[in-house]
Amino acid sequence: MCGAPALEALAFTSAKCMDKRVLCVDRAVLWGHLKKTDILVYNLSEEIVNTMVECRASTWQIRLNPGEVLILTD
């Protein structure tokens, strides 16, 4: 089971996000897994949702606090 600060989620990063603390995440991919994975729902609601910033129509920017890691896996 994963927990903060080592958060786990399926997401696609964008090379355009130069700040290593910022991820650009495909919204459809993220919501697809929100519906499937309770722990991801918990982690996002507790740690990430409030820091999401809409950056494009289909993506979010997620800013991570120092020491937090969003592990990208399939």
N, C-alpha and C. Protein backbone atom coordinates (compact mmCIF):
# COMPACT_ATOMS: atom_id res chain seq x y z
N MET A 1 0.85 -1.18 0.00
CA MET A 1 0.00 0.00 0.00
C MET A 1 0.89 1.24 0.00
N CYS A 2 0.55 2.18 -0.83
CA CYS A 2 1.41 3.35 -0.95
C CYS A 2 0.84 4.50 -0.13
N GLY A 3 1.71 5.35 0.35
CA GLY A 3 1.26 6.49 1.13
C GLY A 3 2.21 7.65 0.98
N ALA A 4 1.80 8.80 1.44
CA ALA A 4 2.64 9.99 1.37
C ALA A 4 3.86 9.79 2.26
N PRO A 5 5.03 10.33 1.91
CA PRO A 5 5.22 11.17 0.74
C PRO A 5 5.52 10.41 -0.54
N ALA A 6 5.64 9.09 -0.49
CA ALA A 6 5.95 8.34 -1.71
C ALA A 6 4.65 7.95 -2.41
N LEU A 7 4.07 8.89 -3.13
CA LEU A 7 2.79 8.65 -3.78
C LEU A 7 2.99 7.87 -5.07
N GLU A 8 2.00 7.04 -5.40
CA GLU A 8 2.06 6.28 -6.64
C GLU A 8 0.82 6.57 -7.46
N ALA A 9 1.00 6.71 -8.76
CA ALA A 9 -0.14 6.97 -9.65
C ALA A 9 0.29 6.68 -11.07
N LEU A 10 -0.66 6.34 -11.91
CA LEU A 10 -0.37 6.21 -13.34
C LEU A 10 -0.55 7.57 -13.96
N ALA A 11 0.46 8.04 -14.67
CA ALA A 11 0.40 9.36 -15.27
C ALA A 11 1.42 9.44 -16.38
N PHE A 12 1.22 10.38 -17.25
CA PHE A 12 2.19 10.64 -18.31
C PHE A 12 2.81 12.00 -18.06
N THR A 13 4.13 12.06 -18.06
CA THR A 13 4.79 13.34 -17.86
C THR A 13 5.00 14.03 -19.20
N SER A 14 5.22 15.31 -19.13
CA SER A 14 5.51 16.09 -20.32
C SER A 14 6.90 16.68 -20.20
N ALA A 15 7.68 16.57 -21.26
CA ALA A 15 9.03 17.13 -21.25
C ALA A 15 9.01 18.64 -21.14
N LYS A 16 7.85 19.23 -21.38
CA LYS A 16 7.74 20.69 -21.31
C LYS A 16 7.74 21.19 -19.87
N CYS A 17 7.56 20.28 -18.91
CA CYS A 17 7.58 20.67 -17.50
C CYS A 17 9.02 20.65 -17.02
N MET A 18 9.66 21.80 -17.00
CA MET A 18 11.08 21.85 -16.69
C MET A 18 11.36 21.75 -15.20
N ASP A 19 10.47 22.29 -14.37
CA ASP A 19 10.65 22.20 -12.92
C ASP A 19 10.43 20.75 -12.51
N LYS A 20 11.42 20.15 -11.86
CA LYS A 20 11.31 18.73 -11.51
C LYS A 20 10.21 18.48 -10.49
N ARG A 21 9.71 19.52 -9.86
CA ARG A 21 8.63 19.36 -8.90
C ARG A 21 7.27 19.48 -9.56
N VAL A 22 7.23 19.63 -10.88
CA VAL A 22 5.95 19.79 -11.58
C VAL A 22 5.79 18.68 -12.60
N LEU A 23 4.64 18.04 -12.57
CA LEU A 23 4.30 17.03 -13.57
C LEU A 23 3.13 17.53 -14.38
N CYS A 24 3.14 17.27 -15.68
CA CYS A 24 1.95 17.48 -16.49
C CYS A 24 1.30 16.12 -16.68
N VAL A 25 0.09 15.99 -16.22
CA VAL A 25 -0.58 14.70 -16.19
C VAL A 25 -1.79 14.72 -17.10
N ASP A 26 -1.93 13.66 -17.88
CA ASP A 26 -3.09 13.56 -18.76
C ASP A 26 -4.34 13.34 -17.92
N ARG A 27 -5.29 14.25 -18.05
CA ARG A 27 -6.47 14.23 -17.20
C ARG A 27 -7.28 12.94 -17.37
N ALA A 28 -7.45 12.49 -18.61
CA ALA A 28 -8.25 11.29 -18.85
C ALA A 28 -7.61 10.06 -18.22
N VAL A 29 -6.30 9.98 -18.31
CA VAL A 29 -5.59 8.85 -17.71
C VAL A 29 -5.75 8.87 -16.20
N LEU A 30 -5.58 10.05 -15.62
CA LEU A 30 -5.68 10.17 -14.17
C LEU A 30 -7.07 9.80 -13.69
N TRP A 31 -8.11 10.34 -14.31
CA TRP A 31 -9.48 10.04 -13.88
C TRP A 31 -9.83 8.59 -14.14
N GLY A 32 -9.28 8.00 -15.20
CA GLY A 32 -9.53 6.59 -15.45
C GLY A 32 -9.06 5.72 -14.29
N HIS A 33 -7.95 6.10 -13.68
CA HIS A 33 -7.43 5.33 -12.56
C HIS A 33 -8.04 5.75 -11.24
N LEU A 34 -8.53 6.97 -11.16
CA LEU A 34 -9.26 7.36 -9.95
C LEU A 34 -10.47 6.45 -9.75
N LYS A 35 -11.09 6.05 -10.85
CA LYS A 35 -12.28 5.23 -10.76
C LYS A 35 -11.96 3.79 -10.41
N LYS A 36 -10.69 3.38 -10.60
CA LYS A 36 -10.33 1.98 -10.43
C LYS A 36 -9.56 1.70 -9.15
N THR A 37 -8.91 2.69 -8.60
CA THR A 37 -7.93 2.43 -7.54
C THR A 37 -8.22 3.27 -6.31
N ASP A 38 -8.75 2.64 -5.28
CA ASP A 38 -9.13 3.36 -4.07
C ASP A 38 -7.95 4.09 -3.43
N ILE A 39 -6.78 3.41 -3.36
CA ILE A 39 -5.64 4.04 -2.71
C ILE A 39 -5.22 5.29 -3.48
N LEU A 40 -5.36 5.25 -4.80
CA LEU A 40 -5.02 6.43 -5.59
C LEU A 40 -5.99 7.56 -5.30
N VAL A 41 -7.27 7.21 -5.17
CA VAL A 41 -8.27 8.22 -4.80
C VAL A 41 -7.89 8.85 -3.47
N TYR A 42 -7.51 8.02 -2.51
CA TYR A 42 -7.13 8.52 -1.19
C TYR A 42 -5.91 9.43 -1.28
N ASN A 43 -4.88 8.95 -1.95
CA ASN A 43 -3.66 9.74 -2.06
C ASN A 43 -3.92 11.07 -2.75
N LEU A 44 -4.69 11.03 -3.84
CA LEU A 44 -4.95 12.27 -4.56
C LEU A 44 -5.78 13.23 -3.73
N SER A 45 -6.77 12.69 -3.03
CA SER A 45 -7.62 13.57 -2.24
C SER A 45 -6.85 14.18 -1.08
N GLU A 46 -5.93 13.40 -0.52
CA GLU A 46 -5.21 13.87 0.66
C GLU A 46 -3.98 14.71 0.31
N GLU A 47 -3.33 14.41 -0.80
CA GLU A 47 -2.01 14.98 -1.04
C GLU A 47 -1.89 15.85 -2.29
N ILE A 48 -2.72 15.59 -3.30
CA ILE A 48 -2.44 16.21 -4.59
C ILE A 48 -3.57 17.10 -5.10
N VAL A 49 -4.81 16.68 -4.90
CA VAL A 49 -5.93 17.37 -5.55
C VAL A 49 -5.88 18.88 -5.33
N ASN A 50 -5.58 19.29 -4.11
CA ASN A 50 -5.60 20.72 -3.81
C ASN A 50 -4.45 21.48 -4.45
N THR A 51 -3.48 20.77 -5.02
CA THR A 51 -2.35 21.46 -5.64
C THR A 51 -2.41 21.40 -7.16
N MET A 52 -3.49 20.84 -7.70
CA MET A 52 -3.59 20.75 -9.15
C MET A 52 -3.89 22.12 -9.75
N VAL A 53 -3.24 22.42 -10.83
CA VAL A 53 -3.47 23.65 -11.56
C VAL A 53 -3.71 23.29 -13.02
N GLU A 54 -4.81 23.74 -13.56
CA GLU A 54 -5.10 23.43 -14.95
C GLU A 54 -4.09 24.15 -15.83
N CYS A 55 -3.38 23.41 -16.67
CA CYS A 55 -2.38 24.06 -17.53
C CYS A 55 -2.75 23.98 -19.00
N ARG A 56 -3.54 22.97 -19.38
CA ARG A 56 -4.04 22.88 -20.75
C ARG A 56 -5.39 22.19 -20.69
N ALA A 57 -6.06 22.11 -21.81
CA ALA A 57 -7.41 21.54 -21.84
C ALA A 57 -7.43 20.10 -21.35
N SER A 58 -6.38 19.33 -21.67
CA SER A 58 -6.41 17.90 -21.35
C SER A 58 -5.39 17.50 -20.29
N THR A 59 -4.72 18.47 -19.69
CA THR A 59 -3.70 18.11 -18.70
C THR A 59 -3.82 18.97 -17.45
N TRP A 60 -3.25 18.48 -16.38
CA TRP A 60 -3.09 19.25 -15.15
C TRP A 60 -1.61 19.38 -14.84
N GLN A 61 -1.27 20.45 -14.17
CA GLN A 61 0.04 20.52 -13.53
C GLN A 61 -0.15 20.07 -12.09
N ILE A 62 0.72 19.21 -11.64
CA ILE A 62 0.70 18.77 -10.25
C ILE A 62 2.02 19.20 -9.62
N ARG A 63 1.94 20.06 -8.63
CA ARG A 63 3.15 20.51 -7.94
C ARG A 63 3.35 19.65 -6.70
N LEU A 64 4.53 19.06 -6.60
CA LEU A 64 4.84 18.19 -5.47
C LEU A 64 5.63 18.96 -4.43
N ASN A 65 5.35 18.68 -3.17
CA ASN A 65 6.13 19.27 -2.10
C ASN A 65 7.52 18.63 -2.09
N PRO A 66 8.53 19.32 -1.56
CA PRO A 66 9.87 18.74 -1.51
C PRO A 66 9.84 17.38 -0.82
N GLY A 67 10.49 16.41 -1.43
CA GLY A 67 10.54 15.08 -0.85
C GLY A 67 9.43 14.16 -1.30
N GLU A 68 8.38 14.70 -1.89
CA GLU A 68 7.30 13.86 -2.39
C GLU A 68 7.66 13.34 -3.77
N VAL A 69 7.28 12.11 -4.03
CA VAL A 69 7.59 11.48 -5.30
C VAL A 69 6.31 10.90 -5.87
N LEU A 70 6.01 11.22 -7.12
CA LEU A 70 4.90 10.60 -7.82
C LEU A 70 5.51 9.55 -8.73
N ILE A 71 5.34 8.28 -8.39
CA ILE A 71 5.96 7.20 -9.15
C ILE A 71 5.08 6.89 -10.35
N LEU A 72 5.68 6.88 -11.53
CA LEU A 72 4.93 6.64 -12.76
C LEU A 72 5.09 5.19 -13.16
N THR A 73 3.98 4.48 -13.21
CA THR A 73 4.03 3.06 -13.50
C THR A 73 2.76 2.64 -14.23
N ASP A 74 2.84 1.53 -14.93
CA ASP A 74 1.67 1.02 -15.65
C ASP A 74 1.16 -0.22 -14.94
